């Protein structure tokens, strides 16, 4: 019975990203890019000034969380095992050309992320914990008035509760620890869940402190190892990029265990993984970034564009090392979580435990970030009992899904993401006239 349910979810997920998700993200992203005169590029051109302003906010004693700490929370939510593990389906199923479509979706997604975070900041509310509440639950009623807005806001919060239990990355970490150290699986699950709950109780402030400490370590280690693999295969790099652009428009024939891909398949995989990895229009980032101390909406939202670029860069490195290591045609040889590990260990001797550390850092920060967002969504649905119910649901969901195949869990996450995107994109489009694409605040004191 459950096998049939997973099969149906996987089919729906595939159809959604093939015929709806990709075109929705790209078309809306192109519209906002045109309307804003390619705001993404203009933001990146003046990044040092933006960081200087946000650093000044970080030192002020005022409600909220340091803007720069929230950058690492954003990276913690995006640059996780989605970039190392789930991203593997991009090239394994869609072929090298899927990377091109991932770039397209990511570029379009950057401006969408700016829009959703800008709106999250605009409609956020000061709470009793000397912080802020924001995100889709508070934006949607501004776009859809009356009962419809309330229903959609609660539906988005409910979906965020489901999406907030990052069962895919949780399962990958449990598998990695069990396989590497032969620790009893149930014991690992219990200890890991207790750690997640403990940090989740501390809210976004505790999460920000965690991500600020762990994410720089992850980025330096993983990027450094990937660059080393690329240097060792530097002569193959031109061929790789030629293959990416060629197969993006003509598909890719079957090679070895690789089953071949079509243009639609490549586009579907590229867009789905860009959205999953970059949290485009999911609502996660608008909830997190709403906690900022910064009073100017533009600066904090601009930093999200930088975070999205960082995420895309890490995804590109992962796909590149799989291609250069000649593992991308071995479709059924390994679990999703084993491809990057295999590629790195082929080139870096005795790196098993270093790679395991990278996987844990990447997965843990993402799991924790989403769990914290899920708690805020649950509290929105039920201010009195929401957090308690969510804790109980988390314990059950983590334990239950930790015993299922990673690829099946991915379909559940993809479907929840698809529904959230439909709601959030509709909201952003309805509030498009409320979004400003300024580079500097009119308040020069900022």
Protein backbone atom coordinates (compact mmCIF):
# COMPACT_ATOMS: atom_id res chain seq x y z
CA UNK A 1 0.00 0.00 0.00
CA UNK A 2 2.69 2.48 1.00
CA UNK A 3 4.71 1.50 -2.06
CA UNK A 4 1.77 2.51 -4.26
CA UNK A 5 1.43 5.83 -2.40
CA UNK A 6 5.12 6.62 -2.91
CA UNK A 7 4.83 5.66 -6.57
CA UNK A 8 1.86 7.99 -7.11
CA UNK A 9 3.60 10.86 -5.31
CA UNK A 10 6.69 10.38 -7.45
CA UNK A 11 4.58 10.47 -10.63
CA UNK A 12 2.79 13.66 -9.57
CA UNK A 13 6.11 15.25 -8.59
CA UNK A 14 7.59 14.44 -12.02
CA UNK A 15 4.58 15.79 -13.93
CA UNK A 16 4.49 18.96 -11.84
CA UNK A 17 8.13 19.86 -12.45
CA UNK A 18 8.00 18.85 -16.11
CA UNK A 19 4.93 20.87 -17.07
CA UNK A 20 4.31 23.48 -14.35
CA UNK A 21 7.13 24.14 -11.89
CA UNK A 22 9.92 24.91 -14.36
CA UNK A 23 7.89 27.30 -16.51
CA UNK A 24 6.33 29.00 -13.49
CA UNK A 25 9.67 29.81 -11.85
CA UNK A 26 11.39 30.87 -15.07
CA UNK A 27 8.54 33.03 -16.42
CA UNK A 28 7.96 34.86 -13.14
CA UNK A 29 11.71 35.27 -12.64
CA UNK A 30 12.15 36.67 -16.15
CA UNK A 31 9.25 39.09 -15.57
CA UNK A 32 10.76 40.48 -12.35
CA UNK A 33 14.25 40.54 -13.89
CA UNK A 34 12.93 42.65 -16.77
CA UNK A 35 10.88 44.91 -14.51
CA UNK A 36 13.86 45.49 -12.18
CA UNK A 37 16.44 46.00 -14.97
CA UNK A 38 18.35 42.83 -13.99
CA UNK A 39 18.43 43.77 -10.34
CA UNK A 40 20.44 40.62 -9.48
CA UNK A 41 23.52 41.91 -11.29
CA UNK A 42 23.18 45.42 -9.91
CA UNK A 43 22.97 44.12 -6.35
CA UNK A 44 26.12 42.03 -6.73
CA UNK A 45 28.01 45.02 -8.14
CA UNK A 46 27.60 46.96 -4.90
CA UNK A 47 27.84 44.09 -2.44
CA UNK A 48 30.62 45.58 -0.22
CA UNK A 49 28.51 48.65 0.55
CA UNK A 50 25.51 46.50 1.46
CA UNK A 51 27.58 44.33 3.81
CA UNK A 52 29.00 47.44 5.51
CA UNK A 53 25.51 48.79 6.20
CA UNK A 54 24.22 45.45 7.51
CA UNK A 55 27.30 45.04 9.71
CA UNK A 56 26.45 48.37 11.33
CA UNK A 57 22.93 47.12 12.06
CA UNK A 58 24.39 43.99 13.67
CA UNK A 59 26.03 46.10 16.39
CA UNK A 60 22.87 47.96 17.38
CA UNK A 61 20.85 47.00 20.44
CA UNK A 62 17.39 46.57 18.96
CA UNK A 63 14.80 43.81 18.45
CA UNK A 64 15.74 41.04 16.09
CA UNK A 65 18.80 39.06 14.97
CA UNK A 66 22.05 40.22 13.38
CA UNK A 67 21.54 40.63 9.58
CA UNK A 68 24.85 38.94 8.79
CA UNK A 69 24.07 36.00 11.07
CA UNK A 70 20.85 35.53 9.13
CA UNK A 71 22.92 35.24 5.96
CA UNK A 72 24.52 32.11 7.43
CA UNK A 73 21.09 30.83 8.50
CA UNK A 74 19.92 31.32 4.92
CA UNK A 75 22.98 29.47 3.64
CA UNK A 76 22.40 26.82 6.31
CA UNK A 77 18.90 26.24 4.95
CA UNK A 78 20.01 26.21 1.31
CA UNK A 79 23.57 24.90 1.14
CA UNK A 80 23.02 21.53 2.72
CA UNK A 81 22.72 17.97 1.51
CA UNK A 82 20.47 19.24 -1.27
CA UNK A 83 23.68 20.55 -2.83
CA UNK A 84 25.63 17.36 -2.20
CA UNK A 85 23.08 14.54 -2.35
CA UNK A 86 19.68 15.48 -3.83
CA UNK A 87 21.47 17.44 -6.55
CA UNK A 88 22.82 14.15 -7.89
CA UNK A 89 19.46 13.32 -9.48
CA UNK A 90 19.99 16.39 -11.68
CA UNK A 91 22.80 14.79 -13.68
CA UNK A 92 21.92 11.13 -13.06
CA UNK A 93 18.42 11.50 -14.54
CA UNK A 94 18.53 14.75 -16.51
CA UNK A 95 22.05 14.41 -17.88
CA UNK A 96 24.74 17.15 -17.95
CA UNK A 97 22.34 19.54 -19.71
CA UNK A 98 20.25 19.73 -16.54
CA UNK A 99 22.99 21.92 -15.03
CA UNK A 100 22.26 24.62 -17.63
CA UNK A 101 18.57 24.62 -16.71
CA UNK A 102 19.52 24.67 -13.03
CA UNK A 103 21.45 27.90 -13.73
CA UNK A 104 18.45 29.38 -15.55
CA UNK A 105 16.04 28.48 -12.74
CA UNK A 106 18.50 29.70 -10.09
CA UNK A 107 19.00 33.04 -11.87
CA UNK A 108 15.23 33.51 -12.13
CA UNK A 109 14.85 32.33 -8.56
CA UNK A 110 17.22 34.96 -7.15
CA UNK A 111 14.84 37.80 -7.96
CA UNK A 112 11.86 35.77 -6.71
CA UNK A 113 13.68 35.23 -3.40
CA UNK A 114 14.31 38.97 -3.18
CA UNK A 115 10.60 39.63 -3.75
CA UNK A 116 9.36 37.13 -1.14
CA UNK A 117 11.86 38.33 1.49
CA UNK A 118 11.08 41.97 0.79
CA UNK A 119 7.38 41.27 1.32
CA UNK A 120 8.14 39.18 4.42
CA UNK A 121 9.96 42.15 5.95
CA UNK A 122 7.30 44.61 4.88
CA UNK A 123 4.48 42.73 6.58
CA UNK A 124 6.33 41.28 9.57
CA UNK A 125 5.09 41.86 13.12
CA UNK A 126 6.95 42.45 16.39
CA UNK A 127 6.38 39.55 18.80
CA UNK A 128 6.60 39.18 22.57
CA UNK A 129 10.07 37.57 22.42
CA UNK A 130 11.82 40.76 21.29
CA UNK A 131 11.87 39.47 17.74
CA UNK A 132 9.65 39.38 14.65
CA UNK A 133 7.17 37.04 12.98
CA UNK A 134 6.93 37.12 9.21
CA UNK A 135 6.69 34.96 6.13
CA UNK A 136 3.91 33.60 3.88
CA UNK A 137 1.36 33.41 6.72
CA UNK A 138 1.48 37.19 7.09
CA UNK A 139 1.97 38.08 3.41
CA UNK A 140 -0.87 35.97 1.96
CA UNK A 141 -3.73 37.82 3.76
CA UNK A 142 -2.43 41.05 2.22
CA UNK A 143 -2.85 39.56 -1.26
CA UNK A 144 -6.04 37.57 -0.73
CA UNK A 145 -8.51 39.30 1.52
CA UNK A 146 -11.16 37.71 3.72
CA UNK A 147 -11.65 33.99 4.31
CA UNK A 148 -9.64 32.95 1.24
CA UNK A 149 -6.55 34.70 2.58
CA UNK A 150 -6.96 33.08 5.99
CA UNK A 151 -7.43 29.62 4.47
CA UNK A 152 -4.39 29.97 2.19
CA UNK A 153 -2.26 31.36 5.04
CA UNK A 154 -3.07 28.36 7.24
CA UNK A 155 -2.56 25.97 4.32
CA UNK A 156 0.89 27.46 3.67
CA UNK A 157 1.71 27.16 7.38
CA UNK A 158 0.56 23.51 7.37
CA UNK A 159 2.71 22.72 4.31
CA UNK A 160 5.68 24.44 5.96
CA UNK A 161 5.15 22.19 8.98
CA UNK A 162 5.42 19.16 6.69
CA UNK A 163 8.34 20.59 4.74
CA UNK A 164 9.99 21.68 8.00
CA UNK A 165 10.66 18.06 8.94
CA UNK A 166 13.61 17.57 6.56
CA UNK A 167 13.23 13.82 6.40
CA UNK A 168 15.44 13.36 3.33
CA UNK A 169 18.54 14.93 4.87
CA UNK A 170 17.79 13.38 8.26
CA UNK A 171 17.71 9.91 6.67
CA UNK A 172 20.95 10.53 4.79
CA UNK A 173 22.79 11.50 7.99
CA UNK A 174 21.39 8.51 9.88
CA UNK A 175 22.48 6.20 7.02
CA UNK A 176 25.95 7.75 6.92
CA UNK A 177 26.54 7.45 10.68
CA UNK A 178 25.17 3.90 10.81
CA UNK A 179 27.24 2.74 7.81
CA UNK A 180 30.45 4.43 8.99
CA UNK A 181 30.43 3.65 12.71
CA UNK A 182 27.93 0.78 12.95
CA UNK A 183 26.05 2.70 15.66
CA UNK A 184 22.59 1.18 16.39
CA UNK A 185 20.15 2.93 14.06
CA UNK A 186 17.39 3.55 16.63
CA UNK A 187 19.87 5.04 19.13
CA UNK A 188 21.23 7.40 16.48
CA UNK A 189 17.72 8.52 15.57
CA UNK A 190 16.76 9.22 19.20
CA UNK A 191 19.92 11.22 20.01
CA UNK A 192 19.72 13.23 16.79
CA UNK A 193 16.03 14.10 17.31
CA UNK A 194 16.73 15.25 20.88
CA UNK A 195 19.52 17.53 19.62
CA UNK A 196 17.23 19.01 16.94
CA UNK A 197 14.46 19.70 19.48
CA UNK A 198 16.89 21.29 21.96
CA UNK A 199 18.20 23.79 19.41
CA UNK A 200 14.71 24.35 18.00
CA UNK A 201 13.44 25.45 21.42
CA UNK A 202 15.97 28.33 21.29
CA UNK A 203 14.33 29.76 18.18
CA UNK A 204 16.00 31.72 15.39
CA UNK A 205 18.58 33.32 17.72
CA UNK A 206 20.00 29.95 18.79
CA UNK A 207 19.80 28.74 15.19
CA UNK A 208 21.69 31.85 13.99
CA UNK A 209 24.50 31.22 16.48
CA UNK A 210 24.74 27.58 15.33
CA UNK A 211 24.83 28.39 11.60
CA UNK A 212 27.32 31.24 12.05
CA UNK A 213 29.68 28.76 13.73
CA UNK A 214 29.22 25.73 11.44
CA UNK A 215 28.51 27.04 7.92
CA UNK A 216 31.90 28.70 7.29
CA UNK A 217 33.58 25.40 8.20
CA UNK A 218 31.35 23.48 5.78
CA UNK A 219 31.85 25.95 2.92
CA UNK A 220 35.66 26.04 3.27
CA UNK A 221 35.97 22.24 3.54
CA UNK A 222 33.57 21.27 0.76
CA UNK A 223 34.50 23.98 -1.73
CA UNK A 224 38.20 23.30 -1.12
CA UNK A 225 37.83 19.55 -1.72
CA UNK A 226 35.74 20.05 -4.86
CA UNK A 227 38.20 22.56 -6.30
CA UNK A 228 41.01 20.06 -5.71
CA UNK A 229 39.13 17.42 -7.74
CA UNK A 230 38.53 19.96 -10.51
CA UNK A 231 42.22 20.97 -10.58
CA UNK A 232 43.19 17.32 -11.01
CA UNK A 233 40.87 17.12 -14.05
CA UNK A 234 41.37 20.65 -15.33
CA UNK A 235 41.98 19.46 -18.90
CA UNK A 236 38.47 17.94 -19.00
CA UNK A 237 36.72 21.16 -17.94
CA UNK A 238 36.19 22.62 -21.48
CA UNK A 239 34.67 19.33 -22.61
CA UNK A 240 32.38 19.33 -19.57
CA UNK A 241 30.94 22.79 -20.27
CA UNK A 242 30.52 22.01 -23.99
CA UNK A 243 28.58 18.88 -23.03
CA UNK A 244 26.42 20.86 -20.57
CA UNK A 245 25.36 23.43 -23.18
CA UNK A 246 24.95 20.90 -25.97
CA UNK A 247 22.84 18.40 -24.05
CA UNK A 248 20.70 21.21 -22.60
CA UNK A 249 19.11 21.67 -26.03
CA UNK A 250 19.34 18.24 -27.63
CA UNK A 251 19.15 15.91 -24.64
CA UNK A 252 21.72 13.19 -24.07
CA UNK A 253 21.97 9.70 -25.42
CA UNK A 254 22.27 6.64 -23.19
CA UNK A 255 25.81 5.82 -22.01
CA UNK A 256 26.67 2.82 -19.85
CA UNK A 257 24.15 2.67 -17.00
CA UNK A 258 22.82 6.13 -17.90
CA UNK A 259 19.41 5.84 -19.52
CA UNK A 260 19.58 8.98 -21.67
CA UNK A 261 17.58 12.19 -21.28
CA UNK A 262 15.34 14.55 -23.21
CA UNK A 263 15.27 18.35 -23.09
CA UNK A 264 12.13 18.24 -20.93
CA UNK A 265 13.74 15.75 -18.57
CA UNK A 266 16.85 17.92 -18.24
CA UNK A 267 14.79 21.06 -17.65
CA UNK A 268 12.58 19.28 -15.11
CA UNK A 269 15.51 17.98 -13.08
CA UNK A 270 17.44 21.25 -13.25
CA UNK A 271 14.50 23.38 -12.13
CA UNK A 272 13.34 20.98 -9.40
CA UNK A 273 16.79 20.76 -7.84
CA UNK A 274 17.37 24.54 -8.12
CA UNK A 275 14.13 25.19 -6.27
CA UNK A 276 14.75 22.49 -3.64
CA UNK A 277 18.34 23.51 -3.02
CA UNK A 278 17.72 27.28 -3.19
CA UNK A 279 14.33 27.24 -1.39
CA UNK A 280 12.85 29.39 -4.16
CA UNK A 281 9.34 30.61 -3.28
CA UNK A 282 9.09 28.02 -0.50
CA UNK A 283 8.67 30.66 2.21
CA UNK A 284 11.54 29.47 4.41
CA UNK A 285 13.75 32.50 3.80
CA UNK A 286 11.01 35.09 4.22
CA UNK A 287 10.29 33.67 7.70
CA UNK A 288 13.97 33.60 8.68
CA UNK A 289 14.96 36.97 7.22
CA UNK A 290 11.96 38.65 8.87
CA UNK A 291 13.84 38.30 12.16
CA UNK A 292 16.52 40.80 11.09
CA UNK A 293 17.44 43.92 13.06
CA UNK A 294 17.70 45.86 9.79
CA UNK A 295 14.92 48.40 9.35
CA UNK A 296 15.50 48.83 5.63
CA UNK A 297 13.89 46.04 3.64
CA UNK A 298 16.12 46.35 0.58
CA UNK A 299 19.44 45.59 2.20
CA UNK A 300 18.40 42.36 3.91
CA UNK A 301 16.57 41.12 0.82
CA UNK A 302 19.64 41.92 -1.31
CA UNK A 303 21.75 39.65 0.87
CA UNK A 304 19.41 36.77 -0.05
CA UNK A 305 20.52 37.17 -3.69
CA UNK A 306 24.11 36.64 -2.54
CA UNK A 307 23.06 33.56 -0.54
CA UNK A 308 21.28 32.15 -3.61
CA UNK A 309 24.42 32.70 -5.72
CA UNK A 310 26.52 30.88 -3.10
CA UNK A 311 24.07 27.98 -3.15
CA UNK A 312 24.15 27.73 -6.96
CA UNK A 313 27.96 27.75 -6.94
CA UNK A 314 28.06 24.81 -4.52
CA UNK A 315 25.49 22.88 -6.61
CA UNK A 316 27.64 23.46 -9.70
CA UNK A 317 30.74 22.13 -7.94
CA UNK A 318 28.88 18.95 -6.90
CA UNK A 319 27.66 18.19 -10.41
CA UNK A 320 31.06 19.00 -11.89
CA UNK A 321 32.98 16.54 -9.70
CA UNK A 322 30.46 13.76 -10.46
CA UNK A 323 30.96 14.30 -14.19
CA UNK A 324 34.76 14.58 -13.95
CA UNK A 325 34.89 11.44 -11.80
CA UNK A 326 32.89 9.60 -14.49
CA UNK A 327 30.22 8.52 -11.99
CA UNK A 328 27.27 10.26 -13.64
CA UNK A 329 26.40 7.30 -15.89
CA UNK A 330 26.21 4.85 -12.97
CA UNK A 331 22.53 5.41 -12.29
CA UNK A 332 21.86 2.49 -9.94
CA UNK A 333 25.30 1.79 -8.53
CA UNK A 334 25.04 3.83 -5.32
CA UNK A 335 22.64 5.54 -2.96
CA UNK A 336 22.21 9.25 -3.67
CA UNK A 337 24.25 10.03 -0.56
CA UNK A 338 27.21 7.98 -1.82
CA UNK A 339 28.00 9.68 -5.15
CA UNK A 340 29.76 12.79 -3.78
CA UNK A 341 31.51 10.70 -1.14
CA UNK A 342 32.78 8.32 -3.84
CA UNK A 343 33.93 11.17 -6.11
CA UNK A 344 35.87 12.89 -3.32
CA UNK A 345 37.38 9.71 -1.86
CA UNK A 346 38.65 8.72 -5.33
CA UNK A 347 40.86 11.81 -5.32
CA UNK A 348 41.55 12.51 -1.64
CA UNK A 349 43.05 9.54 0.24
CA UNK A 350 41.85 8.77 3.78
CA UNK A 351 39.07 11.33 3.47
CA UNK A 352 36.23 9.13 4.70
CA UNK A 353 35.71 10.83 8.05
CA UNK A 354 36.36 14.31 6.66
CA UNK A 355 33.62 13.73 4.10
CA UNK A 356 31.32 12.39 6.82
CA UNK A 357 31.96 15.60 8.79
CA UNK A 358 31.00 17.67 5.73
CA UNK A 359 27.79 15.67 5.26
CA UNK A 360 26.87 16.11 8.92
CA UNK A 361 27.55 19.88 8.91
CA UNK A 362 25.62 20.40 5.69
CA UNK A 363 22.65 18.28 6.70
CA UNK A 364 22.39 19.28 10.33
CA UNK A 365 22.22 23.04 9.67
CA UNK A 366 19.55 22.54 7.01
CA UNK A 367 17.48 20.18 9.18
CA UNK A 368 17.72 22.61 12.08
CA UNK A 369 16.83 25.65 9.98
CA UNK A 370 13.72 24.03 8.58
CA UNK A 371 12.69 22.62 11.93
CA UNK A 372 12.81 26.12 13.42
CA UNK A 373 10.69 27.46 10.57
CA UNK A 374 8.23 24.61 11.04
CA UNK A 375 7.89 25.53 14.71
CA UNK A 376 7.02 29.13 13.81
CA UNK A 377 4.47 27.88 11.27
CA UNK A 378 2.91 25.53 13.84
CA UNK A 379 2.68 28.36 16.36
CA UNK A 380 0.86 30.45 13.74
CA UNK A 381 -1.76 27.71 13.28
CA UNK A 382 -2.21 27.22 17.04
CA UNK A 383 -0.50 29.78 19.32
CA UNK A 384 -1.29 27.67 22.39
CA UNK A 385 -0.69 24.06 21.32
CA UNK A 386 1.14 24.36 17.99
CA UNK A 387 4.70 23.90 19.26
CA UNK A 388 3.84 20.88 21.45
CA UNK A 389 1.97 19.14 18.61
CA UNK A 390 4.84 19.89 16.26
CA UNK A 391 7.39 18.35 18.63
CA UNK A 392 5.30 15.17 18.81
CA UNK A 393 4.84 15.11 15.03
CA UNK A 394 8.60 15.62 14.50
CA UNK A 395 9.49 12.67 16.75
CA UNK A 396 7.09 10.41 14.83
CA UNK A 397 8.03 11.65 11.32
CA UNK A 398 11.79 11.46 11.83
CA UNK A 399 11.55 7.93 13.22
CA UNK A 400 9.04 6.67 10.64
CA UNK A 401 10.67 8.03 7.49
CA UNK A 402 14.22 7.19 8.62
CA UNK A 403 13.34 3.61 7.62
CA UNK A 404 12.47 4.43 4.00
CA UNK A 405 14.48 4.76 0.81
CA UNK A 406 15.97 8.22 0.19
CA UNK A 407 14.54 8.57 -3.34
CA UNK A 408 10.98 7.90 -2.11
CA UNK A 409 11.28 10.56 0.57
CA UNK A 410 12.46 13.04 -2.06
CA UNK A 411 9.08 12.77 -3.82
CA UNK A 412 7.23 13.86 -0.65
CA UNK A 413 9.46 16.92 -0.25
CA UNK A 414 9.07 17.78 -3.93
CA UNK A 415 5.28 17.65 -3.77
CA UNK A 416 5.08 19.84 -0.64
CA UNK A 417 7.46 22.30 -2.30
CA UNK A 418 5.32 22.38 -5.43
CA UNK A 419 2.17 23.32 -3.51
CA UNK A 420 4.00 26.00 -1.52
CA UNK A 421 5.39 27.48 -4.73
CA UNK A 422 1.94 27.75 -6.30
CA UNK A 423 0.60 29.62 -3.26
CA UNK A 424 3.63 31.88 -2.76
CA UNK A 425 4.11 32.76 -6.45
CA UNK A 426 0.42 33.68 -6.70
CA UNK A 427 0.83 35.90 -3.64
CA UNK A 428 3.95 37.62 -4.99
CA UNK A 429 2.30 38.30 -8.35
CA UNK A 430 -0.73 39.87 -6.68
CA UNK A 431 1.53 42.09 -4.55
CA UNK A 432 4.02 42.86 -7.34
CA UNK A 433 3.30 46.61 -7.20
CA UNK A 434 4.28 46.65 -3.53
CA UNK A 435 7.81 45.41 -4.27
CA UNK A 436 10.55 48.01 -4.67
CA UNK A 437 13.86 47.34 -6.42
CA UNK A 438 16.03 50.09 -4.98
CA UNK A 439 19.76 49.84 -4.45
CA UNK A 440 19.93 52.51 -1.75
CA UNK A 441 17.51 53.61 0.89
CA UNK A 442 16.10 57.12 0.66
CA UNK A 443 17.04 57.35 4.35
CA UNK A 444 20.75 58.19 4.15
CA UNK A 445 21.22 57.48 7.86
CA UNK A 446 21.09 53.79 6.93
